[in-house]
Amino acid sequence: MNYKKVFKTIEEAYTPLSTECQQELITSSKVCVYKKGDIVVREGQFSKKVFFIIQGCSRAYYLKDGKDISDWFTFENQFMASIVSFFSNEPSPHYVEFVEDSTVLEFSKDTVDKLSQKHHDFERLISKIVTETMLGLCERLYTIQFNKAEERYKHLLSIYPFITNRIPLTHIASYLGITLETLSRIRSPKKRI
């Protein structure tokens, strides 16, 4: 595993980490490989793990009245966790599933707490991740509440232009709060005639 490349990516996307902090994170984490379809968190479980996606992608979803509803997607160079369970003593309301074969750097809440107390640069990293997540959730809520289906789809493509090549359309439709049929109409060039 090329940790140097991983930390360079974290530095470019978030903030630099000191050499000492990097070394402690390496010794407190592990590289894991997951297969497409692997579920790492189930609804009702307690999860105190965070994953930095090196390669691949994942999603968090709910099962509501037998329906699979995608809540968010995570791709390369992003952090993923069951947010509610990770930051509270509550069980996860989500399932977390890898949508592609994925390689991740995995570490625990204990590691996050320990490194945050010891290294201000790591604390800054966590603060930036939490801020990015909160802003993303606010933007998603606004988009769902005030934008029409086609606008929501265009907005998603502006964030993840590659998403339709990597995530099944059924998951994209549920994320957008629309049916698969509506998504198909939005994507169809014939509808514009």
Protein backbone atom coordinates (compact mmCIF):
# COMPACT_ATOMS: atom_id res chain seq x y z
CA MET A 1 0.00 0.00 0.00
CA ASN A 2 1.34 3.40 -0.99
CA TYR A 3 0.50 5.39 2.14
CA LYS A 4 2.42 8.38 0.81
CA LYS A 5 -0.07 8.66 -2.07
CA VAL A 6 -3.03 8.29 0.32
CA PHE A 7 -1.76 11.08 2.58
CA LYS A 8 -1.01 13.31 -0.41
CA THR A 9 -4.61 12.84 -1.52
CA ILE A 10 -5.90 13.68 1.97
CA GLU A 11 -3.65 16.76 2.03
CA GLU A 12 -4.92 17.98 -1.36
CA ALA A 13 -8.58 17.37 -0.51
CA TYR A 14 -8.59 18.39 3.15
CA THR A 15 -5.48 19.36 5.09
CA PRO A 16 -1.87 18.21 5.59
CA LEU A 17 -1.05 15.75 8.37
CA SER A 18 2.28 15.77 10.20
CA THR A 19 4.66 12.86 9.66
CA GLU A 20 4.12 11.76 13.27
CA CYS A 21 0.34 11.81 12.83
CA GLN A 22 0.61 9.88 9.56
CA GLN A 23 2.74 7.20 11.24
CA GLU A 24 0.29 6.81 14.11
CA LEU A 25 -2.63 6.58 11.69
CA ILE A 26 -0.80 3.89 9.68
CA THR A 27 -0.18 1.79 12.80
CA SER A 28 -3.79 2.27 13.98
CA SER A 29 -5.50 1.49 10.68
CA LYS A 30 -5.64 -1.30 8.17
CA VAL A 31 -6.11 -1.59 4.44
CA CYS A 32 -9.18 -3.68 3.63
CA VAL A 33 -10.55 -4.97 0.36
CA TYR A 34 -14.31 -5.38 -0.02
CA LYS A 35 -16.26 -6.98 -2.82
CA LYS A 36 -19.18 -5.44 -4.67
CA GLY A 37 -22.27 -6.04 -2.55
CA ASP A 38 -20.42 -6.37 0.77
CA ILE A 39 -22.45 -4.76 3.54
CA VAL A 40 -20.20 -3.40 6.31
CA VAL A 41 -22.92 -1.84 8.47
CA ARG A 42 -26.49 -3.02 8.91
CA GLU A 43 -29.45 -1.12 10.27
CA GLY A 44 -29.55 -1.53 14.04
CA GLN A 45 -25.82 -2.23 14.38
CA PHE A 46 -23.40 -0.03 16.24
CA SER A 47 -20.57 1.07 13.98
CA LYS A 48 -17.47 2.84 15.16
CA LYS A 49 -15.47 2.51 11.94
CA VAL A 50 -14.56 5.06 9.31
CA PHE A 51 -13.39 4.20 5.80
CA PHE A 52 -11.23 6.30 3.48
CA ILE A 53 -12.00 5.03 0.00
CA ILE A 54 -8.82 4.48 -1.97
CA GLN A 55 -10.55 2.74 -4.86
CA GLY A 56 -14.22 1.93 -5.44
CA CYS A 57 -17.46 3.36 -4.10
CA SER A 58 -20.10 2.79 -1.47
CA ARG A 59 -23.54 3.95 -0.52
CA ALA A 60 -25.61 4.33 2.61
CA TYR A 61 -29.26 3.37 2.36
CA TYR A 62 -32.42 2.77 4.35
CA LEU A 63 -34.98 0.02 4.00
CA LYS A 64 -38.37 1.66 4.49
CA ASP A 65 -41.54 -0.40 4.02
CA GLY A 66 -39.57 -2.84 1.89
CA LYS A 67 -38.14 -0.07 -0.32
CA ASP A 68 -34.41 0.51 -0.71
CA ILE A 69 -33.73 4.27 -0.43
CA SER A 70 -30.18 5.50 -1.10
CA ASP A 71 -29.13 8.31 1.23
CA TRP A 72 -25.62 9.11 0.02
CA PHE A 73 -22.76 7.84 -2.13
CA THR A 74 -19.04 7.91 -1.43
CA PHE A 75 -16.29 7.63 -4.03
CA GLU A 76 -12.50 7.64 -4.18
CA ASN A 77 -10.71 10.05 -1.87
CA GLN A 78 -13.74 10.51 0.37
CA PHE A 79 -14.44 9.34 3.90
CA MET A 80 -17.43 7.17 4.68
CA ALA A 81 -19.00 6.14 7.98
CA SER A 82 -22.41 5.45 9.40
CA ILE A 83 -22.59 9.02 10.69
CA VAL A 84 -25.32 8.61 13.33
CA SER A 85 -23.76 5.54 14.91
CA PHE A 86 -20.18 6.80 14.58
CA PHE A 87 -20.80 10.09 16.40
CA SER A 88 -23.38 8.90 18.94
CA ASN A 89 -24.20 5.86 21.01
CA GLU A 90 -27.13 5.08 18.74
CA PRO A 91 -27.44 2.13 16.38
CA SER A 92 -27.11 2.85 12.68
CA PRO A 93 -30.33 3.72 10.84
CA HIS A 94 -28.50 2.86 7.59
CA TYR A 95 -27.01 -0.01 5.75
CA VAL A 96 -23.59 0.74 4.26
CA GLU A 97 -22.74 -1.26 1.16
CA PHE A 98 -19.87 -1.30 -1.31
CA VAL A 99 -21.26 -0.83 -4.81
CA GLU A 100 -17.97 -1.79 -6.49
CA ASP A 101 -14.98 -3.87 -5.47
CA SER A 102 -13.26 -1.41 -3.15
CA THR A 103 -9.99 -0.84 -1.32
CA VAL A 104 -10.21 1.28 1.82
CA LEU A 105 -8.15 2.51 4.72
CA GLU A 106 -10.20 1.55 7.76
CA PHE A 107 -9.83 2.90 11.28
CA SER A 108 -11.86 3.16 14.46
CA LYS A 109 -13.59 5.89 16.45
CA ASP A 110 -11.01 5.26 19.19
CA THR A 111 -8.26 6.10 16.69
CA VAL A 112 -10.12 9.26 15.64
CA ASP A 113 -10.51 10.34 19.27
CA LYS A 114 -6.92 9.51 20.22
CA LEU A 115 -5.35 11.23 17.21
CA SER A 116 -7.67 14.25 17.54
CA GLN A 117 -6.55 14.77 21.14
CA LYS A 118 -2.87 14.35 20.31
CA HIS A 119 -2.60 16.07 16.91
CA HIS A 120 -4.26 19.37 16.05
CA ASP A 121 -3.77 18.64 12.34
CA PHE A 122 -5.86 15.47 12.67
CA GLU A 123 -8.50 17.36 14.65
CA ARG A 124 -8.56 19.91 11.80
CA LEU A 125 -9.00 17.05 9.29
CA ILE A 126 -12.01 15.70 11.21
CA SER A 127 -13.46 19.20 11.48
CA LYS A 128 -13.17 19.68 7.71
CA ILE A 129 -14.77 16.29 7.02
CA VAL A 130 -17.67 17.02 9.38
CA THR A 131 -18.14 20.50 7.89
CA GLU A 132 -18.08 19.12 4.34
CA THR A 133 -20.60 16.45 5.32
CA MET A 134 -22.94 18.96 7.00
CA LEU A 135 -22.81 21.35 4.04
CA GLY A 136 -23.47 18.46 1.67
CA LEU A 137 -26.47 17.34 3.71
CA CYS A 138 -27.86 20.90 3.81
CA GLU A 139 -27.44 21.20 0.04
CA ARG A 140 -29.10 17.81 -0.49
CA LEU A 141 -32.04 18.77 1.74
CA TYR A 142 -32.51 22.06 -0.11
CA THR A 143 -32.32 20.30 -3.49
CA ILE A 144 -34.87 17.64 -2.50
CA GLN A 145 -37.27 20.21 -1.03
CA PHE A 146 -37.14 22.92 -3.69
CA ASN A 147 -35.90 21.50 -7.01
CA LYS A 148 -37.85 19.59 -9.62
CA ALA A 149 -36.72 16.05 -10.48
CA GLU A 150 -34.76 17.12 -13.57
CA GLU A 151 -32.95 19.85 -11.62
CA ARG A 152 -32.07 17.35 -8.88
CA TYR A 153 -30.62 14.98 -11.49
CA LYS A 154 -28.59 17.75 -13.15
CA HIS A 155 -27.31 18.84 -9.75
CA LEU A 156 -26.20 15.28 -8.95
CA LEU A 157 -24.39 15.08 -12.31
CA SER A 158 -22.65 18.38 -11.58
CA ILE A 159 -21.22 16.84 -8.40
CA TYR A 160 -20.58 13.33 -9.77
CA PRO A 161 -20.48 13.46 -13.61
CA PHE A 162 -19.48 9.77 -13.72
CA ILE A 163 -22.20 8.48 -11.38
CA THR A 164 -24.38 6.83 -14.04
CA ASN A 165 -21.41 4.67 -15.07
CA ARG A 166 -20.83 3.41 -11.54
CA ILE A 167 -24.08 3.39 -9.58
CA PRO A 168 -27.19 1.45 -10.69
CA LEU A 169 -29.98 3.73 -11.89
CA THR A 170 -32.37 2.27 -9.30
CA HIS A 171 -30.09 3.60 -6.54
CA ILE A 172 -29.77 7.00 -8.25
CA ALA A 173 -33.56 7.26 -8.62
CA SER A 174 -34.14 6.45 -4.94
CA TYR A 175 -31.47 8.99 -3.95
CA LEU A 176 -33.25 11.65 -6.00
CA GLY A 177 -36.63 10.72 -4.52
CA ILE A 178 -38.10 9.72 -7.88
CA THR A 179 -39.15 6.51 -9.61
CA LEU A 180 -36.92 4.69 -12.05
CA GLU A 181 -39.43 5.51 -14.79
CA THR A 182 -39.16 9.25 -14.06
CA LEU A 183 -35.37 9.02 -14.13
CA SER A 184 -35.54 7.21 -17.48
CA ARG A 185 -37.74 9.98 -18.91
CA ILE A 186 -35.35 12.66 -17.64
CA ARG A 187 -32.38 10.87 -19.20
CA SER A 188 -34.11 10.15 -22.52
CA PRO A 189 -33.10 12.50 -25.36
CA LYS A 190 -36.51 11.86 -27.01
CA LYS A 191 -38.30 13.73 -24.22
CA ARG A 192 -36.65 16.95 -25.38
CA ILE A 193 -38.28 16.79 -28.84
